[in-house]
Every structure is written in structure tokens, then in C-alpha cells.
Amino acid sequence: MDSKDREGNIVPDGGKQGKILNALYGTRAGRQALKVLVQPAVSKAGSRLLDSRISTCCISPFIEKNGIVMEEYEDEDYESYNQFFTRRIKEGRREFAEEENLLCAPCDSRLSVYPIREGGVFTIKNTQYTMERLVKNHSLAEKYLGGMLCVFRLTVADYHHYCYVDEGIKTKNYRIPGVFHTVNPVANDQCHVYTENTREFSILKSRNFGNILMMEVGAMFVGKIVNHHEKCAVKRGMEKGFFEFGGSTVILAFQEGRVGIDKDITANMQEGYETIVKMGEVIGRRQDGHTDC
């Protein structure tokens, strides 16, 4: 699935990684191999390798291949690939808008937006999901009927930390165990990625956007979702957590009538494009004007 930047330029997605994923998800032999590759034990084994000193040999080729501008990140001597992958950006490089009515992206990613229709149904790349299957909680799922689901897909080259989009009170974390499919759109034709993969969620009782369902979805070779907090008060732009190696996804669900998403993003969706966004970048606005905290 190609993307567009905020200036309307098309950014192709795929390359060598896309060819590999097409072979895995688009062929019978590949799907047989996936039965092993998506298991948690494989992700754990991969994580151990990427935590080792020998994995540092992969860092320089990865930076060059993906055009990562290292001047944006804190200076550090990396002792493993995972330490590089979870690197921190320099202070001031991902500032959130101060206006309380503005909704900002929680992470660097490719954003797609879906209405949550009657029965809690939403459709991603021709694959139908329900909120109840996503959160495994009927009463919670019903609270988001008629609302909006924002899916922030992180590629391997993105900054893999994510933040709170508003101040408020965060609930405890709920973990739903599963497997680890890729979150690349190619997988959606073959499986229900977001309801099969390991994920964690909590609710942010936010000041400006109602009760936001916040979910992190692990992906192929991502065995670890690191959330920093249990129940506590949080601030806009405060770091919520990070992912270890691999592509992954942050999902925000908003209740009906709370948020209006910027027109360029919704127009891109209608044309079949994700929109490239950066952490802290404005993506929408409070719709009804009242506050909750």
C-alpha cells in the first residue's frame, strides 16, 4: 500500500521487504512457513539475537538503506541492534501543538482512518473487523460505536517510541496474547492481523477528546511492547512506551462526535493511500468543544 506525505506526494511502499512478504502471504509454501514464523517463540529468539553484541554489524547498513538521519537522535555508542532500534530522538525534534483542541499524531507512522460502523464493524484493506474482537470486551466495544479508528502503522525505519495525545487519567494496561503477523497491508488479505496479533490496550480519560482507547499491536519479530505506566495522570506529549525491533502499530479509537480528522488524510484514504505523519504533527481537531477532565 503506497503512502502520501502531507504535501500530496506519493511515496512507494515495498521494495525487497515487500517482495518477501508477498512470497510469505501470497503463496501456499509461504503460508506454511508463517505457521512457524509468527509464533511468540520465534520473536523471542530473534529478540535475543538482536540484543547481542554481534548484531551491531547490522546497524550501519540499515541506516544507509533506509536513509535515516542520525543527527536527529541522541549520540550513543550502541551495544546491540535493539539498542539502536530503540534510540531516542533529540529533545525538541517532535514537539506537540500546545492548543488543546488540536489532535496530534502519537508516533512517526503511516496513518489510516476508519469509521466504526453499526455493530462495531470497521474494514481494513477489504478485511472486516469488529471492536469486540479487537478488545475482547463487549461493553467496552459498544462505547465506540459510530466513532473513529486511527491506525498508525510504523515501518522498520520509523522512530519506535509513542506518546499520549492529551492530558488525562490513564487506566491499567490490558494484554491480549496472540501471534506476530506483519502489520504490512499485504497480510490483511490472508488473516485478521489486528485481532490475531499480541496487543496491549488501556483507556485515556482525556481532557479534550473523551475516552480514548489506546492500543499497541506487536508484529513479526516484535516480541516486546514496552509501556511505561499503569494507572496514572499523564500529559500531552509524554512518552507512553516503545517497541523493540520490527514494524508495529499504534491504534487510537475515539468515541462518536469527538474528533474531526484533517481533510487531506481522509481524502488520501478515499484514494487508497496511507498518510505519512510524524509524532506531534497535527492530524485533527476536537469536534464538540467540551472537556472531560
C-alpha atoms as a PDB file:
ATOM      1  CA  MET A   1       0.000   0.000   0.000  1.00  0.00           C
ATOM      2  CA  ASP A   2       1.614   3.267  -1.112  1.00  0.00           C
ATOM      3  CA  SER A   3       1.500   6.371   1.061  1.00  0.00           C
ATOM      4  CA  LYS A   4       1.267  10.131   0.585  1.00  0.00           C
ATOM      5  CA  ASP A   5       3.085  12.801   2.549  1.00  0.00           C
ATOM      6  CA  ARG A   6       1.250  15.908   3.777  1.00  0.00           C
ATOM      7  CA  GLU A   7       2.238  17.757   0.582  1.00  0.00           C
ATOM      8  CA  GLY A   8       0.408  15.163  -1.512  1.00  0.00           C
ATOM      9  CA  ASN A   9       3.487  13.393  -2.908  1.00  0.00           C
ATOM     10  CA  ILE A  10       3.192   9.632  -3.421  1.00  0.00           C
ATOM     11  CA  VAL A  11       5.758   7.555  -1.503  1.00  0.00           C
ATOM     12  CA  PRO A  12       6.029   3.956  -2.785  1.00  0.00           C
ATOM     13  CA  ASP A  13       5.968   1.156  -0.234  1.00  0.00           C
ATOM     14  CA  GLY A  14       7.505  -2.262  -0.665  1.00  0.00           C
ATOM     15  CA  GLY A  15      10.935  -2.888  -2.160  1.00  0.00           C
ATOM     16  CA  LYS A  16      12.769  -6.045  -1.148  1.00  0.00           C
ATOM     17  CA  GLN A  17      10.792  -6.410   2.078  1.00  0.00           C
ATOM     18  CA  GLY A  18       7.537  -6.174   0.117  1.00  0.00           C
ATOM     19  CA  LYS A  19       8.617  -8.981  -2.214  1.00  0.00           C
ATOM     20  CA  ILE A  20       9.473 -11.226   0.741  1.00  0.00           C
ATOM     21  CA  LEU A  21       6.130 -10.566   2.430  1.00  0.00           C
ATOM     22  CA  ASN A  22       4.241 -11.198  -0.814  1.00  0.00           C
ATOM     23  CA  ALA A  23       6.006 -14.549  -1.088  1.00  0.00           C
ATOM     24  CA  LEU A  24       5.117 -15.440   2.515  1.00  0.00           C
ATOM     25  CA  TYR A  25       1.475 -14.367   2.430  1.00  0.00           C
ATOM     26  CA  GLY A  26       0.724 -14.918  -1.255  1.00  0.00           C
ATOM     27  CA  THR A  27       1.932 -18.496  -1.769  1.00  0.00           C
ATOM     28  CA  ARG A  28       0.999 -21.821  -0.236  1.00  0.00           C
ATOM     29  CA  ALA A  29       4.598 -22.587   0.757  1.00  0.00           C
ATOM     30  CA  GLY A  30       4.947 -19.151   2.325  1.00  0.00           C
ATOM     31  CA  ARG A  31       1.792 -19.571   4.389  1.00  0.00           C
ATOM     32  CA  GLN A  32       3.071 -22.912   5.659  1.00  0.00           C
ATOM     33  CA  ALA A  33       6.298 -21.197   6.767  1.00  0.00           C
ATOM     34  CA  LEU A  34       4.258 -18.484   8.504  1.00  0.00           C
ATOM     35  CA  LYS A  35       2.742 -21.039  10.862  1.00  0.00           C
ATOM     36  CA  VAL A  36       6.188 -21.157  12.470  1.00  0.00           C
ATOM     37  CA  LEU A  37       7.428 -17.604  11.888  1.00  0.00           C
ATOM     38  CA  VAL A  38       4.509 -15.858  13.627  1.00  0.00           C
ATOM     39  CA  GLN A  39       4.847 -17.833  16.862  1.00  0.00           C
ATOM     40  CA  PRO A  40       5.979 -15.952  20.006  1.00  0.00           C
ATOM     41  CA  ALA A  41       8.965 -18.274  20.455  1.00  0.00           C
ATOM     42  CA  VAL A  42      10.413 -17.109  17.120  1.00  0.00           C
ATOM     43  CA  SER A  43      10.061 -13.457  18.112  1.00  0.00           C
ATOM     44  CA  LYS A  44      11.741 -14.176  21.444  1.00  0.00           C
ATOM     45  CA  ALA A  45      14.634 -15.948  19.713  1.00  0.00           C
ATOM     46  CA  GLY A  46      15.022 -13.053  17.279  1.00  0.00           C
ATOM     47  CA  SER A  47      14.991 -10.587  20.153  1.00  0.00           C
ATOM     48  CA  ARG A  48      17.812 -12.446  21.905  1.00  0.00           C
ATOM     49  CA  LEU A  49      19.913 -12.264  18.752  1.00  0.00           C
ATOM     50  CA  LEU A  50      19.221  -8.547  18.295  1.00  0.00           C
ATOM     51  CA  ASP A  51      20.175  -7.911  21.924  1.00  0.00           C
ATOM     52  CA  SER A  52      23.618  -9.453  21.336  1.00  0.00           C
ATOM     53  CA  ARG A  53      26.825  -7.549  20.588  1.00  0.00           C
ATOM     54  CA  ILE A  54      27.229  -9.304  17.228  1.00  0.00           C
ATOM     55  CA  SER A  55      24.033  -7.667  15.962  1.00  0.00           C
ATOM     56  CA  THR A  56      25.756  -4.265  15.815  1.00  0.00           C
ATOM     57  CA  CYS A  57      27.095  -5.220  12.360  1.00  0.00           C
ATOM     58  CA  CYS A  58      23.559  -4.659  11.023  1.00  0.00           C
ATOM     59  CA  ILE A  59      23.283  -1.046  12.178  1.00  0.00           C
ATOM     60  CA  SER A  60      25.269   0.829   9.520  1.00  0.00           C
ATOM     61  CA  PRO A  61      23.720  -1.000   6.526  1.00  0.00           C
ATOM     62  CA  PHE A  62      20.237  -0.380   7.974  1.00  0.00           C
ATOM     63  CA  ILE A  63      20.904   3.355   8.385  1.00  0.00           C
ATOM     64  CA  GLU A  64      22.204   3.630   4.826  1.00  0.00           C
ATOM     65  CA  LYS A  65      19.437   1.550   3.230  1.00  0.00           C
ATOM     66  CA  ASN A  66      16.631   3.491   4.940  1.00  0.00           C
ATOM     67  CA  GLY A  67      18.164   6.965   4.746  1.00  0.00           C
ATOM     68  CA  ILE A  68      17.897   7.555   8.496  1.00  0.00           C
ATOM     69  CA  VAL A  69      19.168  10.996   9.531  1.00  0.00           C
ATOM     70  CA  MET A  70      21.124  10.174  12.684  1.00  0.00           C
ATOM     71  CA  GLU A  71      21.639  13.865  13.510  1.00  0.00           C
ATOM     72  CA  GLU A  72      18.033  13.801  14.787  1.00  0.00           C
ATOM     73  CA  TYR A  73      18.892  11.281  17.508  1.00  0.00           C
ATOM     74  CA  GLU A  74      20.846  11.369  20.757  1.00  0.00           C
ATOM     75  CA  ASP A  75      24.515  10.458  20.415  1.00  0.00           C
ATOM     76  CA  GLU A  76      25.222   6.986  21.751  1.00  0.00           C
ATOM     77  CA  ASP A  77      27.571   4.035  21.283  1.00  0.00           C
ATOM     78  CA  TYR A  78      25.162   1.205  20.543  1.00  0.00           C
ATOM     79  CA  GLU A  79      25.990  -2.190  22.067  1.00  0.00           C
ATOM     80  CA  SER A  80      23.283  -4.085  20.146  1.00  0.00           C
ATOM     81  CA  TYR A  81      20.905  -3.626  17.232  1.00  0.00           C
ATOM     82  CA  ASN A  82      17.930  -3.409  19.585  1.00  0.00           C
ATOM     83  CA  GLN A  83      19.631  -0.599  21.487  1.00  0.00           C
ATOM     84  CA  PHE A  84      19.970   1.258  18.186  1.00  0.00           C
ATOM     85  CA  PHE A  85      16.394   0.445  17.187  1.00  0.00           C
ATOM     86  CA  THR A  86      15.022   1.918  20.434  1.00  0.00           C
ATOM     87  CA  ARG A  87      17.236   5.027  20.132  1.00  0.00           C
ATOM     88  CA  ARG A  88      15.833   8.307  21.427  1.00  0.00           C
ATOM     89  CA  ILE A  89      15.235  11.386  19.361  1.00  0.00           C
ATOM     90  CA  LYS A  90      16.792  14.672  20.499  1.00  0.00           C
ATOM     91  CA  GLU A  91      14.703  16.959  22.669  1.00  0.00           C
ATOM     92  CA  GLY A  92      12.652  19.419  20.640  1.00  0.00           C
ATOM     93  CA  ARG A  93      12.537  17.298  17.452  1.00  0.00           C
ATOM     94  CA  ARG A  94       8.940  16.060  17.952  1.00  0.00           C
ATOM     95  CA  GLU A  95       7.041  18.851  19.704  1.00  0.00           C
ATOM     96  CA  PHE A  96       3.260  18.591  20.237  1.00  0.00           C
ATOM     97  CA  ALA A  97       0.966  21.510  19.427  1.00  0.00           C
ATOM     98  CA  GLU A  98       0.017  23.398  22.599  1.00  0.00           C
ATOM     99  CA  GLU A  99      -3.550  24.290  21.510  1.00  0.00           C
ATOM    100  CA  GLU A 100      -5.760  21.899  23.466  1.00  0.00           C
ATOM    101  CA  ASN A 101      -8.298  21.463  20.648  1.00  0.00           C
ATOM    102  CA  LEU A 102      -5.661  20.064  18.240  1.00  0.00           C
ATOM    103  CA  LEU A 103      -5.140  16.312  17.915  1.00  0.00           C
ATOM    104  CA  CYS A 104      -1.529  15.282  17.246  1.00  0.00           C
ATOM    105  CA  ALA A 105      -0.059  12.017  15.997  1.00  0.00           C
ATOM    106  CA  PRO A 106       1.308   9.828  18.833  1.00  0.00           C
ATOM    107  CA  CYS A 107       4.185   8.487  16.718  1.00  0.00           C
ATOM    108  CA  ASP A 108       6.031   8.542  13.398  1.00  0.00           C
ATOM    109  CA  SER A 109       3.958   6.319  11.131  1.00  0.00           C
ATOM    110  CA  ARG A 110       1.674   5.819   8.169  1.00  0.00           C
ATOM    111  CA  LEU A 111      -1.841   6.773   9.211  1.00  0.00           C
ATOM    112  CA  SER A 112      -5.143   5.347   8.010  1.00  0.00           C
ATOM    113  CA  VAL A 113      -8.570   6.229   9.419  1.00  0.00           C
ATOM    114  CA  TYR A 114     -11.712   4.066   9.557  1.00  0.00           C
ATOM    115  CA  PRO A 115     -15.286   4.758  10.714  1.00  0.00           C
ATOM    116  CA  ILE A 116     -16.603   2.330  13.322  1.00  0.00           C
ATOM    117  CA  ARG A 117     -19.966   1.382  11.856  1.00  0.00           C
ATOM    118  CA  GLU A 118     -23.097  -0.258  13.216  1.00  0.00           C
ATOM    119  CA  GLY A 119     -22.243  -3.366  15.185  1.00  0.00           C
ATOM    120  CA  GLY A 120     -18.729  -2.033  15.843  1.00  0.00           C
ATOM    121  CA  VAL A 121     -17.545  -3.063  12.375  1.00  0.00           C
ATOM    122  CA  PHE A 122     -14.578  -1.465  10.618  1.00  0.00           C
ATOM    123  CA  THR A 123     -12.854  -2.619   7.430  1.00  0.00           C
ATOM    124  CA  ILE A 124      -9.110  -2.555   6.756  1.00  0.00           C
ATOM    125  CA  LYS A 125      -7.978  -3.415   3.215  1.00  0.00           C
ATOM    126  CA  ASN A 126     -11.121  -5.441   2.442  1.00  0.00           C
ATOM    127  CA  THR A 127     -10.856  -7.346   5.742  1.00  0.00           C
ATOM    128  CA  GLN A 128     -13.728  -6.871   8.180  1.00  0.00           C
ATOM    129  CA  TYR A 129     -13.056  -6.484  11.901  1.00  0.00           C
ATOM    130  CA  THR A 130     -15.189  -5.721  14.932  1.00  0.00           C
ATOM    131  CA  MET A 131     -14.330  -3.683  18.012  1.00  0.00           C
ATOM    132  CA  GLU A 132     -15.433  -6.584  20.208  1.00  0.00           C
ATOM    133  CA  ARG A 133     -12.890  -8.930  18.627  1.00  0.00           C
ATOM    134  CA  LEU A 134     -10.225  -6.214  18.842  1.00  0.00           C
ATOM    135  CA  VAL A 135     -10.590  -5.620  22.605  1.00  0.00           C
ATOM    136  CA  LYS A 136     -12.319  -8.887  23.612  1.00  0.00           C
ATOM    137  CA  ASN A 137     -14.778  -6.895  25.721  1.00  0.00           C
ATOM    138  CA  HIS A 138     -18.387  -6.401  24.575  1.00  0.00           C
ATOM    139  CA  SER A 139     -19.344  -3.490  26.845  1.00  0.00           C
ATOM    140  CA  LEU A 140     -16.144  -1.578  26.069  1.00  0.00           C
ATOM    141  CA  ALA A 141     -16.543  -2.140  22.320  1.00  0.00           C
ATOM    142  CA  GLU A 142     -20.066  -0.690  22.401  1.00  0.00           C
ATOM    143  CA  LYS A 143     -18.773   2.639  23.728  1.00  0.00           C
ATOM    144  CA  TYR A 144     -17.009   3.262  20.382  1.00  0.00           C
ATOM    145  CA  LEU A 145     -19.906   2.571  18.006  1.00  0.00           C
ATOM    146  CA  GLY A 146     -20.161   5.400  15.485  1.00  0.00           C
ATOM    147  CA  GLY A 147     -16.703   6.607  16.381  1.00  0.00           C
ATOM    148  CA  MET A 148     -13.380   6.694  14.548  1.00  0.00           C
ATOM    149  CA  LEU A 149     -10.423   4.313  14.483  1.00  0.00           C
ATOM    150  CA  CYS A 150      -6.973   5.728  13.690  1.00  0.00           C
ATOM    151  CA  VAL A 151      -4.343   3.131  12.726  1.00  0.00           C
ATOM    152  CA  PHE A 152      -0.728   4.323  12.909  1.00  0.00           C
ATOM    153  CA  ARG A 153       1.458   1.750  11.121  1.00  0.00           C
ATOM    154  CA  LEU A 154       5.135   2.009  11.985  1.00  0.00           C
ATOM    155  CA  THR A 155       7.644   0.700   9.454  1.00  0.00           C
ATOM    156  CA  VAL A 156      11.052  -0.613  10.488  1.00  0.00           C
ATOM    157  CA  ALA A 157      12.645   2.735   9.590  1.00  0.00           C
ATOM    158  CA  ASP A 158      10.338   4.798  11.819  1.00  0.00           C
ATOM    159  CA  TYR A 159      11.063   6.119  15.310  1.00  0.00           C
ATOM    160  CA  HIS A 160       9.520   3.413  17.516  1.00  0.00           C
ATOM    161  CA  HIS A 161       8.530   5.443  20.577  1.00  0.00           C
ATOM    162  CA  TYR A 162       4.952   6.661  21.069  1.00  0.00           C
ATOM    163  CA  CYS A 163       3.297   9.331  23.232  1.00  0.00           C
ATOM    164  CA  TYR A 164       0.000  10.336  24.844  1.00  0.00           C
ATOM    165  CA  VAL A 165      -2.039  12.665  22.627  1.00  0.00           C
ATOM    166  CA  ASP A 166      -3.698  14.548  25.503  1.00  0.00           C
ATOM    167  CA  GLU A 167      -3.620  15.068  29.237  1.00  0.00           C
ATOM    168  CA  GLY A 168      -5.873  12.938  31.389  1.00  0.00           C
ATOM    169  CA  ILE A 169      -6.080   9.814  33.518  1.00  0.00           C
ATOM    170  CA  LYS A 170      -4.764   6.559  32.067  1.00  0.00           C
ATOM    171  CA  THR A 171      -6.186   3.211  33.195  1.00  0.00           C
ATOM    172  CA  LYS A 172      -4.250  -0.007  33.813  1.00  0.00           C
ATOM    173  CA  ASN A 173      -2.807  -1.971  30.871  1.00  0.00           C
ATOM    174  CA  TYR A 174      -4.649  -4.980  29.449  1.00  0.00           C
ATOM    175  CA  ARG A 175      -2.637  -7.545  27.481  1.00  0.00           C
ATOM    176  CA  ILE A 176      -4.161  -9.852  24.866  1.00  0.00           C
ATOM    177  CA  PRO A 177      -1.729 -12.628  23.876  1.00  0.00           C
ATOM    178  CA  GLY A 178      -1.513 -13.741  20.259  1.00  0.00           C
ATOM    179  CA  VAL A 179       0.873 -14.328  17.376  1.00  0.00           C
ATOM    180  CA  PHE A 180       3.073 -11.920  15.409  1.00  0.00           C
ATOM    181  CA  HIS A 181       1.985 -11.381  11.801  1.00  0.00           C
ATOM    182  CA  THR A 182       3.495  -8.495   9.866  1.00  0.00           C
ATOM    183  CA  VAL A 183       1.361  -5.322  10.001  1.00  0.00           C
ATOM    184  CA  ASN A 184       2.198  -4.603   6.367  1.00  0.00           C
ATOM    185  CA  PRO A 185      -1.131  -4.330   4.449  1.00  0.00           C
ATOM    186  CA  VAL A 186      -0.209  -7.390   2.352  1.00  0.00           C
ATOM    187  CA  ALA A 187      -1.081  -9.613   5.340  1.00  0.00           C
ATOM    188  CA  ASN A 188      -4.657  -8.366   5.650  1.00  0.00           C
ATOM    189  CA  ASP A 189      -5.751 -10.345   2.601  1.00  0.00           C
ATOM    190  CA  GLN A 190      -4.863 -13.582   4.389  1.00  0.00           C
ATOM    191  CA  CYS A 191      -5.569 -13.027   8.083  1.00  0.00           C
ATOM    192  CA  HIS A 192      -7.151 -10.734  10.679  1.00  0.00           C
ATOM    193  CA  VAL A 193      -3.846  -9.191  11.731  1.00  0.00           C
ATOM    194  CA  TYR A 194      -5.124  -6.798  14.389  1.00  0.00           C
ATOM    195  CA  THR A 195      -7.261  -9.379  16.194  1.00  0.00           C
ATOM    196  CA  GLU A 196      -4.747 -12.242  15.928  1.00  0.00           C
ATOM    197  CA  ASN A 197      -1.548 -10.427  16.950  1.00  0.00           C
ATOM    198  CA  THR A 198      -0.355  -9.851  20.510  1.00  0.00           C
ATOM    199  CA  ARG A 199      -1.547  -6.446  21.725  1.00  0.00           C
ATOM    200  CA  GLU A 200      -1.956  -4.242  24.779  1.00  0.00           C
ATOM    201  CA  PHE A 201      -4.520  -1.542  25.444  1.00  0.00           C
ATOM    202  CA  SER A 202      -5.628   0.998  28.027  1.00  0.00           C
ATOM    203  CA  ILE A 203      -8.096   3.873  28.167  1.00  0.00           C
ATOM    204  CA  LEU A 204      -7.079   7.518  28.373  1.00  0.00           C
ATOM    205  CA  LYS A 205      -9.820   9.553  30.050  1.00  0.00           C
ATOM    206  CA  SER A 206      -8.655  12.644  28.224  1.00  0.00           C
ATOM    207  CA  ARG A 207      -9.399  16.296  28.862  1.00  0.00           C
ATOM    208  CA  ASN A 208     -10.231  17.204  25.271  1.00  0.00           C
ATOM    209  CA  PHE A 209     -11.127  14.095  23.251  1.00  0.00           C
ATOM    210  CA  GLY A 210     -13.245  11.891  25.501  1.00  0.00           C
ATOM    211  CA  ASN A 211     -12.256   8.352  26.497  1.00  0.00           C
ATOM    212  CA  ILE A 212      -9.579   7.304  24.002  1.00  0.00           C
ATOM    213  CA  LEU A 213      -8.884   3.606  23.508  1.00  0.00           C
ATOM    214  CA  MET A 214      -5.100   3.311  23.092  1.00  0.00           C
ATOM    215  CA  MET A 215      -3.716   0.052  21.737  1.00  0.00           C
ATOM    216  CA  GLU A 216      -0.254  -1.175  20.741  1.00  0.00           C
ATOM    217  CA  VAL A 217      -0.007  -4.153  18.373  1.00  0.00           C
ATOM    218  CA  GLY A 218       3.142  -6.244  18.119  1.00  0.00           C
ATOM    219  CA  ALA A 219       4.238  -7.513  14.714  1.00  0.00           C
ATOM    220  CA  MET A 220       6.539 -10.030  13.070  1.00  0.00           C
ATOM    221  CA  PHE A 221       9.770 -10.284  15.102  1.00  0.00           C
ATOM    222  CA  VAL A 222       8.447  -7.709  17.600  1.00  0.00           C
ATOM    223  CA  GLY A 223       8.296  -9.767  20.794  1.00  0.00           C
ATOM    224  CA  LYS A 224       8.163  -6.843  23.165  1.00  0.00           C
ATOM    225  CA  ILE A 225       5.783  -3.921  23.694  1.00  0.00           C
ATOM    226  CA  VAL A 226       7.168  -1.698  26.459  1.00  0.00           C
ATOM    227  CA  ASN A 227       4.602   0.513  28.199  1.00  0.00           C
ATOM    228  CA  HIS A 228       5.990   2.691  30.981  1.00  0.00           C
ATOM    229  CA  HIS A 229       2.920   3.286  33.151  1.00  0.00           C
ATOM    230  CA  GLU A 230      -0.014   1.617  34.840  1.00  0.00           C
ATOM    231  CA  LYS A 231      -2.900   3.788  36.101  1.00  0.00           C
ATOM    232  CA  CYS A 232      -1.722   7.396  36.449  1.00  0.00           C
ATOM    233  CA  ALA A 233      -2.181  11.018  35.380  1.00  0.00           C
ATOM    234  CA  VAL A 234      -0.435  11.822  32.078  1.00  0.00           C
ATOM    235  CA  LYS A 235       0.382  14.885  29.982  1.00  0.00           C
ATOM    236  CA  ARG A 236       0.142  15.611  26.270  1.00  0.00           C
ATOM    237  CA  GLY A 237       3.367  14.591  24.521  1.00  0.00           C
ATOM    238  CA  MET A 238       4.571  12.465  27.449  1.00  0.00           C
ATOM    239  CA  GLU A 239       6.144   9.198  26.283  1.00  0.00           C
ATOM    240  CA  LYS A 240       3.847   6.208  26.747  1.00  0.00           C
ATOM    241  CA  GLY A 241       6.237   3.493  25.595  1.00  0.00           C
ATOM    242  CA  PHE A 242       8.185   1.913  22.735  1.00  0.00           C
ATOM    243  CA  PHE A 243       8.507  -1.191  20.556  1.00  0.00           C
ATOM    244  CA  GLU A 244      11.569  -3.344  20.047  1.00  0.00           C
ATOM    245  CA  PHE A 245      12.634  -4.452  16.552  1.00  0.00           C
ATOM    246  CA  GLY A 246      10.233  -4.629  13.630  1.00  0.00           C
ATOM    247  CA  GLY A 247       7.200  -2.922  12.162  1.00  0.00           C
ATOM    248  CA  SER A 248       4.329  -2.419  14.568  1.00  0.00           C
ATOM    249  CA  THR A 249       1.101  -0.451  15.060  1.00  0.00           C
ATOM    250  CA  VAL A 250      -0.482   2.064  17.436  1.00  0.00           C
ATOM    251  CA  ILE A 251      -4.288   2.268  17.345  1.00  0.00           C
ATOM    252  CA  LEU A 252      -6.410   5.084  18.776  1.00  0.00           C
ATOM    253  CA  ALA A 253     -10.197   4.724  18.900  1.00  0.00           C
ATOM    254  CA  PHE A 254     -12.365   7.795  19.534  1.00  0.00           C
ATOM    255  CA  GLN A 255     -15.999   7.884  20.592  1.00  0.00           C
ATOM    256  CA  GLU A 256     -18.650   9.288  18.289  1.00  0.00           C
ATOM    257  CA  GLY A 257     -18.539  13.034  17.666  1.00  0.00           C
ATOM    258  CA  ARG A 258     -15.287  13.688  19.492  1.00  0.00           C
ATOM    259  CA  VAL A 259     -12.720  14.195  16.729  1.00  0.00           C
ATOM    260  CA  GLY A 260     -12.616  15.504  13.176  1.00  0.00           C
ATOM    261  CA  ILE A 261      -9.667  14.227  11.123  1.00  0.00           C
ATOM    262  CA  ASP A 262      -7.901  16.607   8.696  1.00  0.00           C
ATOM    263  CA  LYS A 263      -9.347  16.563   5.182  1.00  0.00           C
ATOM    264  CA  ASP A 264      -6.102  15.656   3.405  1.00  0.00           C
ATOM    265  CA  ILE A 265      -5.856  12.470   5.481  1.00  0.00           C
ATOM    266  CA  THR A 266      -9.453  11.408   4.784  1.00  0.00           C
ATOM    267  CA  ALA A 267      -9.049  12.288   1.085  1.00  0.00           C
ATOM    268  CA  ASN A 268      -5.931  10.107   0.902  1.00  0.00           C
ATOM    269  CA  MET A 269      -7.893   7.226   2.452  1.00  0.00           C
ATOM    270  CA  GLN A 270     -10.597   7.546  -0.204  1.00  0.00           C
ATOM    271  CA  GLU A 271      -7.884   7.247  -2.862  1.00  0.00           C
ATOM    272  CA  GLY A 272      -6.356   4.181  -1.172  1.00  0.00           C
ATOM    273  CA  TYR A 273      -3.317   5.857   0.416  1.00  0.00           C
ATOM    274  CA  GLU A 274      -1.983   5.947   3.943  1.00  0.00           C
ATOM    275  CA  THR A 275      -0.676   9.348   5.097  1.00  0.00           C
ATOM    276  CA  ILE A 276       2.867   9.754   6.420  1.00  0.00           C
ATOM    277  CA  VAL A 277       2.824  11.628   9.742  1.00  0.00           C
ATOM    278  CA  LYS A 278       5.381  12.500  12.413  1.00  0.00           C
ATOM    279  CA  MET A 279       4.982  12.365  16.173  1.00  0.00           C
ATOM    280  CA  GLY A 280       3.405  15.620  17.370  1.00  0.00           C
ATOM    281  CA  GLU A 281       2.108  16.604  13.931  1.00  0.00           C
ATOM    282  CA  VAL A 282      -1.487  17.913  13.879  1.00  0.00           C
ATOM    283  CA  ILE A 283      -3.877  15.372  12.318  1.00  0.00           C
ATOM    284  CA  GLY A 284      -7.288  16.581  13.512  1.00  0.00           C
ATOM    285  CA  ARG A 285      -9.341  18.740  15.840  1.00  0.00           C
ATOM    286  CA  ARG A 286     -11.723  18.425  18.740  1.00  0.00           C
ATOM    287  CA  GLN A 287     -15.214  18.311  17.287  1.00  0.00           C
ATOM    288  CA  ASP A 288     -17.673  19.150  20.029  1.00  0.00           C
ATOM    289  CA  GLY A 289     -15.723  21.703  22.084  1.00  0.00           C
ATOM    290  CA  HIS A 290     -16.372  20.295  25.583  1.00  0.00           C
ATOM    291  CA  THR A 291     -13.809  18.924  28.021  1.00  0.00           C
ATOM    292  CA  ASP A 292     -13.983  15.857  30.226  1.00  0.00           C
ATOM    293  CA  CYS A 293     -11.194  16.034  32.807  1.00  0.00           C
END
